[in-house]
Amino acid sequence: MSNEDPMSSQEFADYIQAMADQSPKEPFRPSVFYNRAGQLFEFLFEDEDYYAEWINPHLTVYKSFADNRVIGGEVTFVHDLIARTPNDG
C-alpha cells in the first residue's frame, strides 16, 4: 500500500488529460469489438459524439448527436441469438 496522499478529483482529471494529450493521434478507423464474456459485439462506423438508443434486449444503436444518424451499436447475447437461428446447412 502506498504512503502517498490520494489525488483530488481535479488532480486525477488533470493527470488523465495530460496522458490523453501525450498519446499519439491516429486517424479513426471503423471497428468491431467482440467481448466473449459479455456475449456482445460493439461496432463504431464514425468518430463522432453519440448517444445510445435501446431498441430491444439484443440491440442498442449509437446515434450521432449532430444529426441522429446511426454510427454504431451493440448486439448483445450473441450466443443466444445464434442458438435460436435456424441452421440452413
C-alpha atoms as a PDB file:
ATOM      1  CA  MET A   1       0.000   0.000   0.000  1.00  0.00           C
ATOM      2  CA  SER A   2       1.296   3.431  -0.926  1.00  0.00           C
ATOM      3  CA  ASN A   3       2.083   6.120   1.640  1.00  0.00           C
ATOM      4  CA  GLU A   4       1.307   8.845  -0.890  1.00  0.00           C
ATOM      5  CA  ASP A   5      -1.616  11.181  -0.347  1.00  0.00           C
ATOM      6  CA  PRO A   6      -4.551  10.343  -2.616  1.00  0.00           C
ATOM      7  CA  MET A   7      -5.181  12.619  -5.603  1.00  0.00           C
ATOM      8  CA  SER A   8      -8.024  15.066  -5.558  1.00  0.00           C
ATOM      9  CA  SER A   9     -10.655  14.727  -8.261  1.00  0.00           C
ATOM     10  CA  GLN A  10      -9.163  17.695 -10.126  1.00  0.00           C
ATOM     11  CA  GLU A  11      -5.633  16.289  -9.901  1.00  0.00           C
ATOM     12  CA  PHE A  12      -6.881  12.982 -11.283  1.00  0.00           C
ATOM     13  CA  ALA A  13      -8.727  14.729 -14.141  1.00  0.00           C
ATOM     14  CA  ASP A  14      -5.598  16.770 -14.952  1.00  0.00           C
ATOM     15  CA  TYR A  15      -3.467  13.596 -14.902  1.00  0.00           C
ATOM     16  CA  ILE A  16      -5.807  11.750 -17.285  1.00  0.00           C
ATOM     17  CA  GLN A  17      -5.984  14.777 -19.620  1.00  0.00           C
ATOM     18  CA  ALA A  18      -2.184  15.018 -19.700  1.00  0.00           C
ATOM     19  CA  MET A  19      -1.958  11.324 -20.612  1.00  0.00           C
ATOM     20  CA  ALA A  20      -4.507  11.802 -23.401  1.00  0.00           C
ATOM     21  CA  ASP A  21      -2.651  14.847 -24.724  1.00  0.00           C
ATOM     22  CA  GLN A  22       0.587  12.810 -24.921  1.00  0.00           C
ATOM     23  CA  SER A  23      -0.919   9.798 -26.688  1.00  0.00           C
ATOM     24  CA  PRO A  24      -0.318   9.568 -30.432  1.00  0.00           C
ATOM     25  CA  LYS A  25      -3.212  10.797 -32.530  1.00  0.00           C
ATOM     26  CA  GLU A  26      -4.185   8.169 -35.060  1.00  0.00           C
ATOM     27  CA  PRO A  27      -6.907   8.564 -37.663  1.00  0.00           C
ATOM     28  CA  PHE A  28     -10.190   6.938 -36.786  1.00  0.00           C
ATOM     29  CA  ARG A  29     -10.892   3.550 -38.333  1.00  0.00           C
ATOM     30  CA  PRO A  30     -14.292   1.847 -38.166  1.00  0.00           C
ATOM     31  CA  SER A  31     -14.035  -1.014 -35.708  1.00  0.00           C
ATOM     32  CA  VAL A  32     -15.769  -4.032 -34.254  1.00  0.00           C
ATOM     33  CA  PHE A  33     -15.046  -5.367 -30.789  1.00  0.00           C
ATOM     34  CA  TYR A  34     -16.189  -8.765 -29.535  1.00  0.00           C
ATOM     35  CA  ASN A  35     -16.486  -9.381 -25.806  1.00  0.00           C
ATOM     36  CA  ARG A  36     -16.811 -13.134 -25.218  1.00  0.00           C
ATOM     37  CA  ALA A  37     -17.590 -12.811 -21.505  1.00  0.00           C
ATOM     38  CA  GLY A  38     -20.285 -10.226 -22.139  1.00  0.00           C
ATOM     39  CA  GLN A  39     -21.558 -12.011 -25.248  1.00  0.00           C
ATOM     40  CA  LEU A  40     -21.593  -8.811 -27.251  1.00  0.00           C
ATOM     41  CA  PHE A  41     -20.335  -7.149 -30.397  1.00  0.00           C
ATOM     42  CA  GLU A  42     -19.772  -3.414 -30.280  1.00  0.00           C
ATOM     43  CA  PHE A  43     -19.158  -1.540 -33.510  1.00  0.00           C
ATOM     44  CA  LEU A  44     -18.417   2.062 -34.476  1.00  0.00           C
ATOM     45  CA  PHE A  45     -18.591   3.367 -38.047  1.00  0.00           C
ATOM     46  CA  GLU A  46     -17.690   7.019 -37.446  1.00  0.00           C
ATOM     47  CA  ASP A  47     -15.722   9.103 -34.953  1.00  0.00           C
ATOM     48  CA  GLU A  48     -18.445  11.338 -33.550  1.00  0.00           C
ATOM     49  CA  ASP A  49     -20.029  12.071 -30.214  1.00  0.00           C
ATOM     50  CA  TYR A  50     -23.042   9.809 -29.821  1.00  0.00           C
ATOM     51  CA  TYR A  51     -25.822   8.680 -27.550  1.00  0.00           C
ATOM     52  CA  ALA A  52     -27.187   5.170 -27.117  1.00  0.00           C
ATOM     53  CA  GLU A  53     -30.761   4.210 -28.018  1.00  0.00           C
ATOM     54  CA  TRP A  54     -32.039   0.886 -26.709  1.00  0.00           C
ATOM     55  CA  ILE A  55     -34.004  -0.975 -29.381  1.00  0.00           C
ATOM     56  CA  ASN A  56     -34.611  -4.362 -27.735  1.00  0.00           C
ATOM     57  CA  PRO A  57     -32.807  -6.762 -25.358  1.00  0.00           C
ATOM     58  CA  HIS A  58     -30.351  -7.678 -28.136  1.00  0.00           C
ATOM     59  CA  LEU A  59     -29.735  -4.350 -29.887  1.00  0.00           C
ATOM     60  CA  THR A  60     -28.636  -0.877 -28.868  1.00  0.00           C
ATOM     61  CA  VAL A  61     -27.779   1.654 -31.576  1.00  0.00           C
ATOM     62  CA  TYR A  62     -25.419   4.593 -31.248  1.00  0.00           C
ATOM     63  CA  LYS A  63     -26.687   7.779 -32.892  1.00  0.00           C
ATOM     64  CA  SER A  64     -24.795  10.932 -33.743  1.00  0.00           C
ATOM     65  CA  PHE A  65     -25.598  13.928 -31.560  1.00  0.00           C
ATOM     66  CA  ALA A  66     -25.136  16.106 -34.642  1.00  0.00           C
ATOM     67  CA  ASP A  67     -27.833  14.579 -36.855  1.00  0.00           C
ATOM     68  CA  ASN A  68     -29.168  11.377 -35.241  1.00  0.00           C
ATOM     69  CA  ARG A  69     -27.564   9.086 -37.859  1.00  0.00           C
ATOM     70  CA  VAL A  70     -26.717   5.561 -36.693  1.00  0.00           C
ATOM     71  CA  ILE A  71     -22.930   5.481 -36.344  1.00  0.00           C
ATOM     72  CA  GLY A  72     -22.542   2.275 -34.363  1.00  0.00           C
ATOM     73  CA  GLY A  73     -24.158  -0.045 -31.922  1.00  0.00           C
ATOM     74  CA  GLU A  74     -24.071  -3.099 -29.749  1.00  0.00           C
ATOM     75  CA  VAL A  75     -25.503  -6.566 -30.271  1.00  0.00           C
ATOM     76  CA  THR A  76     -25.768  -8.495 -27.003  1.00  0.00           C
ATOM     77  CA  PHE A  77     -26.375 -12.128 -26.044  1.00  0.00           C
ATOM     78  CA  VAL A  78     -24.761 -13.209 -29.314  1.00  0.00           C
ATOM     79  CA  HIS A  79     -24.575 -16.894 -28.350  1.00  0.00           C
ATOM     80  CA  ASP A  80     -28.280 -16.940 -27.523  1.00  0.00           C
ATOM     81  CA  LEU A  81     -29.144 -15.365 -30.887  1.00  0.00           C
ATOM     82  CA  ILE A  82     -27.013 -17.876 -32.789  1.00  0.00           C
ATOM     83  CA  ALA A  83     -28.533 -20.800 -30.901  1.00  0.00           C
ATOM     84  CA  ARG A  84     -32.049 -19.635 -31.861  1.00  0.00           C
ATOM     85  CA  THR A  85     -31.203 -19.080 -35.539  1.00  0.00           C
ATOM     86  CA  PRO A  86     -32.175 -21.988 -37.799  1.00  0.00           C
ATOM     87  CA  ASN A  87     -29.213 -23.726 -39.399  1.00  0.00           C
ATOM     88  CA  ASP A  88     -29.543 -23.603 -43.175  1.00  0.00           C
ATOM     89  CA  GLY A  89     -26.889 -26.189 -43.769  1.00  0.00           C
END
